PDB file of N, CA and C in Angstrom:
ATOM      1  N   UNK A   1      27.106  62.933  -8.954  1.00  0.00           N
ATOM      2  CA  UNK A   1      27.438  63.348 -10.270  1.00  0.00           C
ATOM      3  C   UNK A   1      28.723  62.682 -11.208  1.00  0.00           C
ATOM      4  N   UNK A   2      29.577  62.488 -10.703  1.00  0.00           N
ATOM      5  CA  UNK A   2      30.865  61.910 -10.919  1.00  0.00           C
ATOM      6  C   UNK A   2      30.753  60.608 -11.732  1.00  0.00           C
ATOM      7  N   UNK A   3      29.724  59.461 -11.152  1.00  0.00           N
ATOM      8  CA  UNK A   3      29.406  58.660 -11.578  1.00  0.00           C
ATOM      9  C   UNK A   3      28.705  58.602 -12.640  1.00  0.00           C
ATOM     10  N   UNK A   4      27.306  59.864 -12.843  1.00  0.00           N
ATOM     11  CA  UNK A   4      26.928  59.706 -14.282  1.00  0.00           C
ATOM     12  C   UNK A   4      27.876  60.070 -15.422  1.00  0.00           C
ATOM     13  N   UNK A   5      28.701  60.956 -15.116  1.00  0.00           N
ATOM     14  CA  UNK A   5      29.532  61.616 -16.043  1.00  0.00           C
ATOM     15  C   UNK A   5      30.773  60.604 -16.124  1.00  0.00           C
ATOM     16  N   UNK A   6      31.459  59.440 -15.366  1.00  0.00           N
ATOM     17  CA  UNK A   6      31.900  57.905 -16.157  1.00  0.00           C
ATOM     18  C   UNK A   6      31.062  57.098 -16.533  1.00  0.00           C
ATOM     19  N   UNK A   7      29.855  57.196 -16.249  1.00  0.00           N
ATOM     20  CA  UNK A   7      29.139  56.111 -16.995  1.00  0.00           C
ATOM     21  C   UNK A   7      28.534  56.704 -18.437  1.00  0.00           C
ATOM     22  N   UNK A   8      28.487  57.862 -18.839  1.00  0.00           N
ATOM     23  CA  UNK A   8      28.265  58.448 -19.810  1.00  0.00           C
ATOM     24  C   UNK A   8      29.566  58.264 -21.179  1.00  0.00           C
ATOM     25  N   UNK A   9      30.666  58.628 -20.434  1.00  0.00           N
ATOM     26  CA  UNK A   9      32.103  58.250 -20.901  1.00  0.00           C
ATOM     27  C   UNK A   9      32.154  57.191 -21.625  1.00  0.00           C
ATOM     28  N   UNK A  10      32.009  55.994 -20.465  1.00  0.00           N
ATOM     29  CA  UNK A  10      31.867  54.746 -20.937  1.00  0.00           C
ATOM     30  C   UNK A  10      31.066  54.222 -21.789  1.00  0.00           C
ATOM     31  N   UNK A  11      29.956  54.649 -22.137  1.00  0.00           N
ATOM     32  CA  UNK A  11      28.897  54.707 -23.155  1.00  0.00           C
ATOM     33  C   UNK A  11      29.491  54.881 -24.501  1.00  0.00           C
ATOM     34  N   UNK A  12      29.924  56.435 -24.693  1.00  0.00           N
ATOM     35  CA  UNK A  12      30.474  57.404 -25.676  1.00  0.00           C
ATOM     36  C   UNK A  12      31.635  56.520 -26.160  1.00  0.00           C
ATOM     37  N   UNK A  13      32.709  55.831 -25.230  1.00  0.00           N
ATOM     38  CA  UNK A  13      33.982  55.338 -25.320  1.00  0.00           C
ATOM     39  C   UNK A  13      33.827  53.906 -26.086  1.00  0.00           C
ATOM     40  N   UNK A  14      32.632  53.014 -25.971  1.00  0.00           N
ATOM     41  CA  UNK A  14      31.982  52.009 -26.182  1.00  0.00           C
ATOM     42  C   UNK A  14      31.407  52.194 -27.450  1.00  0.00           C
ATOM     43  N   UNK A  15      30.630  53.201 -27.551  1.00  0.00           N
ATOM     44  CA  UNK A  15      30.116  53.071 -28.860  1.00  0.00           C
ATOM     45  C   UNK A  15      31.014  53.708 -30.206  1.00  0.00           C
ATOM     46  N   UNK A  16      32.039  54.501 -29.825  1.00  0.00           N
ATOM     47  CA  UNK A  16      33.234  55.093 -30.810  1.00  0.00           C
ATOM     48  C   UNK A  16      33.582  53.410 -31.166  1.00  0.00           C
ATOM     49  N   UNK A  17      33.762  52.671 -30.197  1.00  0.00           N
ATOM     50  CA  UNK A  17      34.665  51.361 -30.819  1.00  0.00           C
ATOM     51  C   UNK A  17      34.247  50.794 -31.374  1.00  0.00           C
ATOM     52  N   UNK A  18      32.648  50.132 -31.591  1.00  0.00           N
ATOM     53  CA  UNK A  18      31.815  49.468 -32.084  1.00  0.00           C
ATOM     54  C   UNK A  18      31.560  49.669 -33.519  1.00  0.00           C
ATOM     55  N   UNK A  19      30.901  51.575 -33.769  1.00  0.00           N
ATOM     56  CA  UNK A  19      30.952  52.180 -34.999  1.00  0.00           C
ATOM     57  C   UNK A  19      32.596  52.279 -35.953  1.00  0.00           C
ATOM     58  N   UNK A  20      33.332  52.499 -34.681  1.00  0.00           N
ATOM     59  CA  UNK A  20      34.473  52.685 -35.777  1.00  0.00           C
ATOM     60  C   UNK A  20      35.865  51.694 -36.110  1.00  0.00           C
ATOM     61  N   UNK A  21      35.697  50.507 -35.480  1.00  0.00           N
ATOM     62  CA  UNK A  21      36.603  49.975 -35.621  1.00  0.00           C
ATOM     63  C   UNK A  21      36.270  48.555 -36.584  1.00  0.00           C
ATOM     64  N   UNK A  22      37.151  48.153 -36.882  1.00  0.00           N
ATOM     65  CA  UNK A  22      36.716  47.397 -38.287  1.00  0.00           C
ATOM     66  C   UNK A  22      37.101  45.841 -37.689  1.00  0.00           C
ATOM     67  N   UNK A  23      37.871  45.767 -36.997  1.00  0.00           N
ATOM     68  CA  UNK A  23      38.674  44.398 -36.011  1.00  0.00           C
ATOM     69  C   UNK A  23      37.494  44.178 -34.979  1.00  0.00           C
ATOM     70  N   UNK A  24      37.191  42.287 -35.445  1.00  0.00           N
ATOM     71  CA  UNK A  24      35.637  42.153 -34.718  1.00  0.00           C
ATOM     72  C   UNK A  24      36.127  42.322 -33.559  1.00  0.00           C
ATOM     73  N   UNK A  25      37.510  41.376 -32.719  1.00  0.00           N
ATOM     74  CA  UNK A  25      37.457  41.118 -31.553  1.00  0.00           C
ATOM     75  C   UNK A  25      37.712  42.853 -30.746  1.00  0.00           C
ATOM     76  N   UNK A  26      38.002  43.892 -31.648  1.00  0.00           N
ATOM     77  CA  UNK A  26      37.928  45.311 -30.772  1.00  0.00           C
ATOM     78  C   UNK A  26      35.939  45.556 -30.656  1.00  0.00           C
ATOM     79  N   UNK A  27      35.304  45.156 -31.694  1.00  0.00           N
ATOM     80  CA  UNK A  27      34.168  45.515 -31.430  1.00  0.00           C
ATOM     81  C   UNK A  27      33.415  44.771 -30.195  1.00  0.00           C
ATOM     82  N   UNK A  28      33.957  44.014 -29.966  1.00  0.00           N
ATOM     83  CA  UNK A  28      33.407  42.879 -28.428  1.00  0.00           C
ATOM     84  C   UNK A  28      34.174  43.693 -27.892  1.00  0.00           C
ATOM     85  N   UNK A  29      35.035  44.171 -27.342  1.00  0.00           N
ATOM     86  CA  UNK A  29      35.316  45.239 -26.376  1.00  0.00           C
ATOM     87  C   UNK A  29      34.716  46.418 -26.220  1.00  0.00           C
ATOM     88  N   UNK A  30      34.587  46.998 -27.315  1.00  0.00           N
ATOM     89  CA  UNK A  30      33.528  48.223 -26.808  1.00  0.00           C
ATOM     90  C   UNK A  30      32.285  47.251 -26.605  1.00  0.00           C
ATOM     91  N   UNK A  31      31.316  46.643 -26.988  1.00  0.00           N
ATOM     92  CA  UNK A  31      30.176  45.937 -26.179  1.00  0.00           C
ATOM     93  C   UNK A  31      30.268  46.353 -24.911  1.00  0.00           C
ATOM     94  N   UNK A  32      31.642  45.497 -24.551  1.00  0.00           N
ATOM     95  CA  UNK A  32      32.096  45.319 -22.931  1.00  0.00           C
ATOM     96  C   UNK A  32      32.011  46.505 -22.378  1.00  0.00           C
ATOM     97  N   UNK A  33      32.579  47.343 -23.028  1.00  0.00           N
ATOM     98  CA  UNK A  33      32.584  49.031 -22.284  1.00  0.00           C
ATOM     99  C   UNK A  33      31.502  49.557 -22.390  1.00  0.00           C
ATOM    100  N   UNK A  34      30.403  49.308 -23.364  1.00  0.00           N
ATOM    101  CA  UNK A  34      29.491  49.551 -23.367  1.00  0.00           C
ATOM    102  C   UNK A  34      28.913  49.674 -21.979  1.00  0.00           C
ATOM    103  N   UNK A  35      28.457  48.221 -22.108  1.00  0.00           N
ATOM    104  CA  UNK A  35      27.067  47.694 -21.099  1.00  0.00           C
ATOM    105  C   UNK A  35      28.182  48.122 -19.515  1.00  0.00           C
ATOM    106  N   UNK A  36      29.303  48.283 -19.402  1.00  0.00           N
ATOM    107  CA  UNK A  36      29.526  48.617 -18.411  1.00  0.00           C
ATOM    108  C   UNK A  36      29.533  50.079 -17.753  1.00  0.00           C
ATOM    109  N   UNK A  37      29.285  50.946 -18.853  1.00  0.00           N
ATOM    110  CA  UNK A  37      29.218  51.648 -18.596  1.00  0.00           C
ATOM    111  C   UNK A  37      27.506  52.416 -18.245  1.00  0.00           C
ATOM    112  N   UNK A  38      26.375  51.112 -19.092  1.00  0.00           N
ATOM    113  CA  UNK A  38      25.255  51.316 -18.714  1.00  0.00           C
ATOM    114  C   UNK A  38      24.770  49.845 -16.981  1.00  0.00           C
ATOM    115  N   UNK A  39      25.645  49.377 -16.664  1.00  0.00           N
ATOM    116  CA  UNK A  39      25.597  48.704 -15.518  1.00  0.00           C
ATOM    117  C   UNK A  39      26.384  50.142 -14.480  1.00  0.00           C
ATOM    118  N   UNK A  40      27.176  50.785 -14.678  1.00  0.00           N
ATOM    119  CA  UNK A  40      27.663  52.011 -13.840  1.00  0.00           C
ATOM    120  C   UNK A  40      26.128  53.047 -13.330  1.00  0.00           C
ATOM    121  N   UNK A  41      25.680  53.240 -14.449  1.00  0.00           N
ATOM    122  CA  UNK A  41      24.540  54.128 -14.048  1.00  0.00           C
ATOM    123  C   UNK A  41      23.237  53.630 -13.957  1.00  0.00           C
ATOM    124  N   UNK A  42      23.264  52.160 -14.131  1.00  0.00           N
ATOM    125  CA  UNK A  42      22.142  51.773 -13.212  1.00  0.00           C
ATOM    126  C   UNK A  42      22.439  51.373 -11.767  1.00  0.00           C
ATOM    127  N   UNK A  43      23.798  51.536 -11.262  1.00  0.00           N
ATOM    128  CA  UNK A  43      23.428  50.877  -9.799  1.00  0.00           C
ATOM    129  C   UNK A  43      24.304  52.419  -9.629  1.00  0.00           C
ATOM    130  N   UNK A  44      24.730  54.063 -10.073  1.00  0.00           N
ATOM    131  CA  UNK A  44      24.349  55.145  -9.651  1.00  0.00           C
ATOM    132  C   UNK A  44      22.910  55.742  -9.638  1.00  0.00           C
ATOM    133  N   UNK A  45      22.058  54.794 -10.323  1.00  0.00           N
ATOM    134  CA  UNK A  45      20.181  55.282  -9.922  1.00  0.00           C
ATOM    135  C   UNK A  45      20.092  55.022  -8.502  1.00  0.00           C
ATOM    136  N   UNK A  46      20.430  53.476  -8.038  1.00  0.00           N
ATOM    137  CA  UNK A  46      19.827  53.061  -7.174  1.00  0.00           C
ATOM    138  C   UNK A  46      20.591  53.453  -5.525  1.00  0.00           C
ATOM    139  N   UNK A  47      21.406  53.819  -5.434  1.00  0.00           N
ATOM    140  CA  UNK A  47      22.396  54.938  -4.657  1.00  0.00           C
ATOM    141  C   UNK A  47      21.743  55.776  -3.478  1.00  0.00           C
ATOM    142  N   UNK A  48      21.605  55.243  -2.171  1.00  0.00           N
ATOM    143  CA  UNK A  48      21.278  56.612  -1.654  1.00  0.00           C
ATOM    144  C   UNK A  48      22.526  56.876  -0.443  1.00  0.00           C
ATOM    145  N   UNK A  49      22.138  58.224  -0.065  1.00  0.00           N
ATOM    146  CA  UNK A  49      23.899  58.418   1.200  1.00  0.00           C
ATOM    147  C   UNK A  49      23.062  57.493   2.428  1.00  0.00           C
ATOM    148  N   UNK A  50      23.898  56.978   2.880  1.00  0.00           N
ATOM    149  CA  UNK A  50      23.602  56.351   4.171  1.00  0.00           C
ATOM    150  C   UNK A  50      22.589  55.419   4.242  1.00  0.00           C
ATOM    151  N   UNK A  51      22.470  54.941   2.957  1.00  0.00           N
ATOM    152  CA  UNK A  51      21.265  53.852   2.761  1.00  0.00           C
ATOM    153  C   UNK A  51      21.561  52.443   3.270  1.00  0.00           C
ATOM    154  N   UNK A  52      20.965  51.919   3.968  1.00  0.00           N
ATOM    155  CA  UNK A  52      20.529  50.302   4.795  1.00  0.00           C
ATOM    156  C   UNK A  52      20.566  49.277   3.871  1.00  0.00           C
ATOM    157  N   UNK A  53      21.091  47.796   3.848  1.00  0.00           N
ATOM    158  CA  UNK A  53      20.332  46.462   3.144  1.00  0.00           C
ATOM    159  C   UNK A  53      19.168  46.944   2.926  1.00  0.00           C
ATOM    160  N   UNK A  54      18.374  46.392   1.877  1.00  0.00           N
ATOM    161  CA  UNK A  54      16.697  46.142   2.364  1.00  0.00           C
ATOM    162  C   UNK A  54      16.248  44.709   3.146  1.00  0.00           C
ATOM    163  N   UNK A  55      16.734  44.924   3.950  1.00  0.00           N
ATOM    164  CA  UNK A  55      16.012  43.326   5.192  1.00  0.00           C
ATOM    165  C   UNK A  55      15.547  44.023   6.098  1.00  0.00           C
ATOM    166  N   UNK A  56      14.546  43.985   6.310  1.00  0.00           N
ATOM    167  CA  UNK A  56      13.646  44.445   7.441  1.00  0.00           C
ATOM    168  C   UNK A  56      13.974  43.376   8.718  1.00  0.00           C
ATOM    169  N   UNK A  57      14.299  43.934   9.880  1.00  0.00           N
ATOM    170  CA  UNK A  57      14.534  42.811  10.374  1.00  0.00           C
ATOM    171  C   UNK A  57      13.580  43.327  11.745  1.00  0.00           C
ATOM    172  N   UNK A  58      13.155  42.920  12.770  1.00  0.00           N
ATOM    173  CA  UNK A  58      12.268  43.103  14.410  1.00  0.00           C
ATOM    174  C   UNK A  58      13.085  44.427  14.655  1.00  0.00           C
ATOM    175  N   UNK A  59      11.795  44.970  15.173  1.00  0.00           N
ATOM    176  CA  UNK A  59      11.916  46.227  15.651  1.00  0.00           C
ATOM    177  C   UNK A  59      12.200  47.274  14.964  1.00  0.00           C
ATOM    178  N   UNK A  60      12.615  47.140  13.550  1.00  0.00           N
ATOM    179  CA  UNK A  60      12.790  48.589  12.836  1.00  0.00           C
ATOM    180  C   UNK A  60      11.453  48.495  12.379  1.00  0.00           C
ATOM    181  N   UNK A  61      11.022  50.002  12.334  1.00  0.00           N
ATOM    182  CA  UNK A  61       9.756  50.531  11.772  1.00  0.00           C
ATOM    183  C   UNK A  61       9.723  50.494  10.525  1.00  0.00           C
ATOM    184  N   UNK A  62       8.603  50.360   9.624  1.00  0.00           N
ATOM    185  CA  UNK A  62       8.727  50.157   8.324  1.00  0.00           C
ATOM    186  C   UNK A  62       8.678  51.878   7.873  1.00  0.00           C
ATOM    187  N   UNK A  63       8.446  52.849   8.607  1.00  0.00           N
ATOM    188  CA  UNK A  63       9.030  54.052   7.275  1.00  0.00           C
ATOM    189  C   UNK A  63      10.269  54.107   7.851  1.00  0.00           C
ATOM    190  N   UNK A  64      11.052  54.021   8.652  1.00  0.00           N
ATOM    191  CA  UNK A  64      12.124  54.030   8.851  1.00  0.00           C
ATOM    192  C   UNK A  64      12.885  53.181   7.842  1.00  0.00           C
ATOM    193  N   UNK A  65      12.405  51.976   7.832  1.00  0.00           N
ATOM    194  CA  UNK A  65      13.068  51.355   6.820  1.00  0.00           C
ATOM    195  C   UNK A  65      12.849  51.680   5.037  1.00  0.00           C
ATOM    196  N   UNK A  66      11.665  52.197   4.940  1.00  0.00           N
ATOM    197  CA  UNK A  66      11.468  52.349   3.670  1.00  0.00           C
ATOM    198  C   UNK A  66      12.221  54.387   3.260  1.00  0.00           C
ATOM    199  N   UNK A  67      12.220  54.675   4.374  1.00  0.00           N
ATOM    200  CA  UNK A  67      13.312  56.169   4.151  1.00  0.00           C
ATOM    201  C   UNK A  67      14.573  56.306   4.041  1.00  0.00           C
ATOM    202  N   UNK A  68      15.346  54.448   4.428  1.00  0.00           N
ATOM    203  CA  UNK A  68      16.659  54.349   4.203  1.00  0.00           C
ATOM    204  C   UNK A  68      17.323  53.480   3.891  1.00  0.00           C
ATOM    205  N   UNK A  69      16.357  52.538   3.427  1.00  0.00           N
ATOM    206  CA  UNK A  69      16.465  51.344   2.523  1.00  0.00           C
ATOM    207  C   UNK A  69      16.748  51.757   1.335  1.00  0.00           C
ATOM    208  N   UNK A  70      18.315  51.283   0.578  1.00  0.00           N
ATOM    209  CA  UNK A  70      18.834  51.636  -0.576  1.00  0.00           C
ATOM    210  C   UNK A  70      17.375  50.448  -1.811  1.00  0.00           C
ATOM    211  N   UNK A  71      17.328  51.208  -2.562  1.00  0.00           N
ATOM    212  CA  UNK A  71      16.263  49.961  -4.522  1.00  0.00           C
ATOM    213  C   UNK A  71      17.164  49.011  -4.102  1.00  0.00           C
ATOM    214  N   UNK A  72      16.541  47.884  -4.393  1.00  0.00           N
ATOM    215  CA  UNK A  72      17.230  46.529  -4.529  1.00  0.00           C
ATOM    216  C   UNK A  72      17.178  46.659  -6.139  1.00  0.00           C
ATOM    217  N   UNK A  73      16.178  46.878  -6.693  1.00  0.00           N
ATOM    218  CA  UNK A  73      15.761  47.093  -7.913  1.00  0.00           C
ATOM    219  C   UNK A  73      16.752  46.798  -9.343  1.00  0.00           C
ATOM    220  N   UNK A  74      17.841  47.839  -9.119  1.00  0.00           N
ATOM    221  CA  UNK A  74      18.654  48.617 -10.044  1.00  0.00           C
ATOM    222  C   UNK A  74      19.550  47.102  -9.616  1.00  0.00           C
ATOM    223  N   UNK A  75      20.411  46.743  -8.564  1.00  0.00           N
ATOM    224  CA  UNK A  75      21.076  45.451  -7.987  1.00  0.00           C
ATOM    225  C   UNK A  75      20.412  45.150  -8.931  1.00  0.00           C
ATOM    226  N   UNK A  76      19.477  43.985  -8.797  1.00  0.00           N
ATOM    227  CA  UNK A  76      18.914  42.893  -9.655  1.00  0.00           C
ATOM    228  C   UNK A  76      19.271  42.991 -11.248  1.00  0.00           C
ATOM    229  N   UNK A  77      18.804  44.348 -11.489  1.00  0.00           N
ATOM    230  CA  UNK A  77      18.694  44.483 -12.783  1.00  0.00           C
ATOM    231  C   UNK A  77      20.117  44.177 -13.500  1.00  0.00           C
ATOM    232  N   UNK A  78      21.153  44.988 -12.823  1.00  0.00           N
ATOM    233  CA  UNK A  78      22.790  44.850 -13.228  1.00  0.00           C
ATOM    234  C   UNK A  78      23.033  43.726 -12.552  1.00  0.00           C
ATOM    235  N   UNK A  79      22.742  42.785 -11.700  1.00  0.00           N
ATOM    236  CA  UNK A  79      23.383  40.909 -11.978  1.00  0.00           C
ATOM    237  C   UNK A  79      22.878  40.333 -12.990  1.00  0.00           C
ATOM    238  N   UNK A  80      21.288  40.655 -13.678  1.00  0.00           N
ATOM    239  CA  UNK A  80      20.870  40.251 -14.227  1.00  0.00           C
ATOM    240  C   UNK A  80      21.304  40.623 -15.826  1.00  0.00           C
ATOM    241  N   UNK A  81      21.800  41.490 -15.985  1.00  0.00           N
ATOM    242  CA  UNK A  81      22.337  42.133 -17.149  1.00  0.00           C
ATOM    243  C   UNK A  81      23.965  41.772 -17.309  1.00  0.00           C
ATOM    244  N   UNK A  82      24.538  41.609 -15.954  1.00  0.00           N
ATOM    245  CA  UNK A  82      26.004  41.216 -16.361  1.00  0.00           C
ATOM    246  C   UNK A  82      25.853  39.854 -16.351  1.00  0.00           C
ATOM    247  N   UNK A  83      25.060  38.726 -16.096  1.00  0.00           N
ATOM    248  CA  UNK A  83      25.176  37.191 -17.290  1.00  0.00           C
ATOM    249  C   UNK A  83      24.548  37.250 -18.184  1.00  0.00           C
ATOM    250  N   UNK A  84      24.023  38.397 -18.661  1.00  0.00           N
ATOM    251  CA  UNK A  84      23.283  38.079 -20.050  1.00  0.00           C
ATOM    252  C   UNK A  84      24.448  39.019 -20.854  1.00  0.00           C
ATOM    253  N   UNK A  85      25.139  39.825 -20.644  1.00  0.00           N
ATOM    254  CA  UNK A  85      26.202  40.735 -21.054  1.00  0.00           C
ATOM    255  C   UNK A  85      27.827  39.017 -21.314  1.00  0.00           C
ATOM    256  N   UNK A  86      27.865  38.642 -20.258  1.00  0.00           N
ATOM    257  CA  UNK A  86      29.049  37.782 -20.279  1.00  0.00           C
ATOM    258  C   UNK A  86      28.308  36.855 -21.474  1.00  0.00           C
ATOM    259  N   UNK A  87      27.032  36.286 -21.911  1.00  0.00           N
ATOM    260  CA  UNK A  87      26.646  35.047 -22.413  1.00  0.00           C
ATOM    261  C   UNK A  87      27.164  35.732 -23.851  1.00  0.00           C
ATOM    262  N   UNK A  88      26.544  37.100 -24.361  1.00  0.00           N
ATOM    263  CA  UNK A  88      26.749  37.282 -25.001  1.00  0.00           C
ATOM    264  C   UNK A  88      27.396  37.424 -25.517  1.00  0.00           C
ATOM    265  N   UNK A  89      28.694  38.129 -25.052  1.00  0.00           N
ATOM    266  CA  UNK A  89      30.471  38.143 -25.315  1.00  0.00           C
ATOM    267  C   UNK A  89      30.928  36.855 -25.619  1.00  0.00           C
ATOM    268  N   UNK A  90      30.275  35.611 -25.203  1.00  0.00           N
ATOM    269  CA  UNK A  90      31.044  34.369 -25.171  1.00  0.00           C
ATOM    270  C   UNK A  90      30.448  34.044 -26.980  1.00  0.00           C
ATOM    271  N   UNK A  91      29.188  34.073 -26.716  1.00  0.00           N
ATOM    272  CA  UNK A  91      28.571  33.837 -28.231  1.00  0.00           C
ATOM    273  C   UNK A  91      29.501  34.596 -29.287  1.00  0.00           C
ATOM    274  N   UNK A  92      29.386  35.681 -28.673  1.00  0.00           N
ATOM    275  CA  UNK A  92      30.273  36.691 -30.007  1.00  0.00           C
ATOM    276  C   UNK A  92      31.444  36.362 -30.564  1.00  0.00           C
ATOM    277  N   UNK A  93      32.357  35.675 -29.429  1.00  0.00           N
ATOM    278  CA  UNK A  93      33.510  35.325 -29.458  1.00  0.00           C
ATOM    279  C   UNK A  93      33.747  33.896 -30.216  1.00  0.00           C
ATOM    280  N   UNK A  94      32.717  33.320 -29.702  1.00  0.00           N
ATOM    281  CA  UNK A  94      32.408  32.004 -30.571  1.00  0.00           C
ATOM    282  C   UNK A  94      32.434  32.081 -32.297  1.00  0.00           C
ATOM    283  N   UNK A  95      31.307  33.085 -32.450  1.00  0.00           N
ATOM    284  CA  UNK A  95      30.940  33.424 -33.950  1.00  0.00           C
ATOM    285  C   UNK A  95      32.335  33.830 -34.788  1.00  0.00           C
ATOM    286  N   UNK A  96      33.114  34.673 -33.917  1.00  0.00           N
ATOM    287  CA  UNK A  96      34.326  35.238 -34.441  1.00  0.00           C
ATOM    288  C   UNK A  96      35.326  34.247 -34.786  1.00  0.00           C
ATOM    289  N   UNK A  97      35.110  33.460 -34.174  1.00  0.00           N
ATOM    290  CA  UNK A  97      36.528  32.344 -33.857  1.00  0.00           C
ATOM    291  C   UNK A  97      36.057  31.678 -35.278  1.00  0.00           C
ATOM    292  N   UNK A  98      35.010  31.213 -35.252  1.00  0.00           N
ATOM    293  CA  UNK A  98      33.977  30.521 -36.333  1.00  0.00           C
ATOM    294  C   UNK A  98      34.402  31.285 -37.873  1.00  0.00           C
ATOM    295  N   UNK A  99      34.376  32.366 -37.433  1.00  0.00           N
ATOM    296  CA  UNK A  99      34.435  33.452 -39.010  1.00  0.00           C
ATOM    297  C   UNK A  99      36.034  33.582 -39.365  1.00  0.00           C
ATOM    298  N   UNK A 100      36.460  33.333 -38.616  1.00  0.00           N
ATOM    299  CA  UNK A 100      37.922  33.157 -38.504  1.00  0.00           C
ATOM    300  C   UNK A 100      38.535  31.993 -39.235  1.00  0.00           C
ATOM    301  N   UNK A 101      38.216  31.164 -38.972  1.00  0.00           N
ATOM    302  CA  UNK A 101      38.447  29.982 -39.214  1.00  0.00           C
ATOM    303  C   UNK A 101      37.796  29.939 -40.996  1.00  0.00           C
ATOM    304  N   UNK A 102      36.542  30.049 -40.985  1.00  0.00           N
ATOM    305  CA  UNK A 102      36.399  30.483 -42.456  1.00  0.00           C
ATOM    306  C   UNK A 102      36.982  31.576 -43.244  1.00  0.00           C
ATOM    307  N   UNK A 103      37.006  32.536 -43.122  1.00  0.00           N
ATOM    308  CA  UNK A 103      37.510  33.652 -43.525  1.00  0.00           C
ATOM    309  C   UNK A 103      39.366  34.149 -43.970  1.00  0.00           C
ATOM    310  N   UNK A 104      39.786  33.614 -42.604  1.00  0.00           N
ATOM    311  CA  UNK A 104      40.909  33.782 -42.618  1.00  0.00           C
ATOM    312  C   UNK A 104      41.527  35.295 -42.066  1.00  0.00           C
ATOM    313  N   UNK A 105      40.449  35.628 -41.582  1.00  0.00           N
ATOM    314  CA  UNK A 105      40.412  37.331 -40.866  1.00  0.00           C
ATOM    315  C   UNK A 105      39.950  37.525 -39.912  1.00  0.00           C
ATOM    316  N   UNK A 106      39.997  38.895 -39.705  1.00  0.00           N
ATOM    317  CA  UNK A 106      39.041  39.216 -37.970  1.00  0.00           C
ATOM    318  C   UNK A 106      38.468  40.234 -38.579  1.00  0.00           C
ATOM    319  N   UNK A 107      38.372  40.905 -39.471  1.00  0.00           N
ATOM    320  CA  UNK A 107      37.927  42.327 -39.956  1.00  0.00           C
ATOM    321  C   UNK A 107      36.866  41.824 -40.570  1.00  0.00           C
ATOM    322  N   UNK A 108      35.572  43.327 -40.029  1.00  0.00           N
ATOM    323  CA  UNK A 108      34.260  43.327 -40.413  1.00  0.00           C
ATOM    324  C   UNK A 108      33.830  43.284 -41.534  1.00  0.00           C
ATOM    325  N   UNK A 109      34.716  43.149 -42.673  1.00  0.00           N
ATOM    326  CA  UNK A 109      34.514  44.038 -43.902  1.00  0.00           C
ATOM    327  C   UNK A 109      34.653  42.453 -44.690  1.00  0.00           C
ATOM    328  N   UNK A 110      35.641  41.385 -44.083  1.00  0.00           N
ATOM    329  CA  UNK A 110      35.640  40.125 -45.033  1.00  0.00           C
ATOM    330  C   UNK A 110      36.646  40.291 -45.802  1.00  0.00           C
TER     331      UNK A 110
END
């Protein structure tokens, strides 16, 4: 339950930074905090208490495996999302640098 509250707090804090701040770098940081909250939520959804790695070994019954193995799909989604958010952050910062060279400011209003 605590991880759901923490992920909600990250999402709210990131949304607040994106909406209220005028500095473009602070907006990108807010976007990073927002995506961190989403990652935490997805990982929390895939958590299973006393779960095992989703690897089927010899001698392990399929019924035991399906009842105790954690779901690998949220882990794969989060790993993919981390790569995508890293790329989006790099692109956003490159655009901010280009905008700063053209306008001389980091403010969104220009």
